[in-house]
Amino acid sequence: MVGISELSKTVAKKTGITQKKAADVITEFLNETVSEVDKGSKINLAGFGIFERKKQSARTARNPQTRAEIKVPAKEKFVFRASSKIKYKD
């Protein structure tokens, strides 16, 4: 798995900025993306994908051990849909 520090090293090398500045930009981008999606916006990054919130309806589920029914409340999920350009790798 690659984290922000590994990404920031690569971005810093390719752009000529410091690793710290690259990490700050990546972190701020992620924070702003989540903030805008939480406000109800869809974030569409052409060629990459769409970030949005989707409503999941309330439902009834079962506890697999006891088979007892459980009421699962409605909620909003954070969803990413990948662009068809990156979905499939040959």
Protein backbone atom coordinates (compact mmCIF):
# COMPACT_ATOMS: atom_id res chain seq x y z
CA MET A 1 0.00 0.00 0.00
CA VAL A 2 1.21 3.50 -0.82
CA GLY A 3 0.62 6.36 1.61
CA ILE A 4 0.85 10.12 1.42
CA SER A 5 4.57 10.13 2.26
CA GLU A 6 5.38 7.82 -0.65
CA LEU A 7 3.16 9.80 -3.03
CA SER A 8 4.69 13.07 -1.87
CA LYS A 9 8.21 11.76 -2.60
CA THR A 10 7.24 10.97 -6.19
CA VAL A 11 5.34 14.23 -6.70
CA ALA A 12 8.24 16.21 -5.23
CA LYS A 13 10.74 14.59 -7.60
CA LYS A 14 8.53 15.12 -10.66
CA THR A 15 7.60 18.73 -9.88
CA GLY A 16 10.75 20.06 -8.24
CA ILE A 17 8.99 21.10 -5.02
CA THR A 18 9.85 19.90 -1.52
CA GLN A 19 8.42 16.68 -0.18
CA LYS A 20 6.80 18.63 2.67
CA LYS A 21 5.05 20.99 0.25
CA ALA A 22 3.89 18.05 -1.90
CA ALA A 23 2.49 16.27 1.17
CA ASP A 24 0.70 19.47 2.21
CA VAL A 25 -0.89 19.84 -1.24
CA ILE A 26 -2.01 16.19 -1.33
CA THR A 27 -3.45 16.40 2.19
CA GLU A 28 -5.27 19.66 1.44
CA PHE A 29 -6.66 18.23 -1.80
CA LEU A 30 -8.05 15.22 0.05
CA ASN A 31 -9.51 17.37 2.85
CA GLU A 32 -11.16 19.73 0.36
CA THR A 33 -12.56 16.81 -1.65
CA VAL A 34 -14.21 15.30 1.44
CA SER A 35 -15.47 18.72 2.57
CA GLU A 36 -17.11 19.48 -0.79
CA VAL A 37 -18.68 16.03 -1.03
CA ASP A 38 -20.04 16.42 2.52
CA LYS A 39 -21.69 19.68 1.39
CA GLY A 40 -23.53 17.75 -1.34
CA SER A 41 -21.25 18.38 -4.31
CA LYS A 42 -20.07 15.77 -6.77
CA ILE A 43 -16.37 15.99 -7.53
CA ASN A 44 -15.69 14.93 -11.13
CA LEU A 45 -12.02 14.50 -12.02
CA ALA A 46 -12.04 13.86 -15.77
CA GLY A 47 -10.21 10.66 -16.64
CA PHE A 48 -10.01 9.62 -12.99
CA GLY A 49 -13.49 9.32 -11.47
CA ILE A 50 -16.30 10.84 -9.44
CA PHE A 51 -16.51 11.31 -5.67
CA GLU A 52 -20.01 11.68 -4.18
CA ARG A 53 -22.33 10.74 -1.33
CA LYS A 54 -25.09 8.21 -2.01
CA LYS A 55 -28.04 7.43 0.21
CA GLN A 56 -28.38 3.85 1.39
CA SER A 57 -31.91 2.98 2.45
CA ALA A 58 -32.76 1.45 5.81
CA ARG A 59 -32.88 -2.31 5.67
CA THR A 60 -33.29 -5.45 7.72
CA ALA A 61 -30.24 -7.68 8.09
CA ARG A 62 -29.52 -10.86 10.03
CA ASN A 63 -26.89 -11.60 12.64
CA PRO A 64 -25.06 -14.58 11.07
CA GLN A 65 -24.45 -16.24 14.45
CA THR A 66 -27.91 -15.92 16.03
CA ARG A 67 -29.99 -15.41 12.86
CA ALA A 68 -31.77 -12.59 14.74
CA GLU A 69 -33.07 -9.72 12.61
CA ILE A 70 -31.31 -6.39 12.94
CA LYS A 71 -32.64 -3.03 11.75
CA VAL A 72 -29.92 -1.16 9.87
CA PRO A 73 -30.71 2.57 9.67
CA ALA A 74 -30.45 4.64 6.49
CA LYS A 75 -27.11 6.34 5.94
CA GLU A 76 -25.12 8.29 3.41
CA LYS A 77 -22.04 6.56 2.02
CA PHE A 78 -18.95 8.21 0.55
CA VAL A 79 -18.57 6.67 -2.91
CA PHE A 80 -15.91 6.78 -5.62
CA ARG A 81 -16.76 5.67 -9.16
CA ALA A 82 -13.67 5.12 -11.27
CA SER A 83 -13.52 6.45 -14.82
CA SER A 84 -13.64 3.83 -17.54
CA LYS A 85 -10.13 5.00 -18.49
CA ILE A 86 -8.69 3.54 -15.26
CA LYS A 87 -11.16 0.73 -14.50
CA TYR A 88 -9.51 -1.86 -16.68
CA LYS A 89 -5.84 -2.63 -17.05
CA ASP A 90 -4.64 -4.77 -19.94
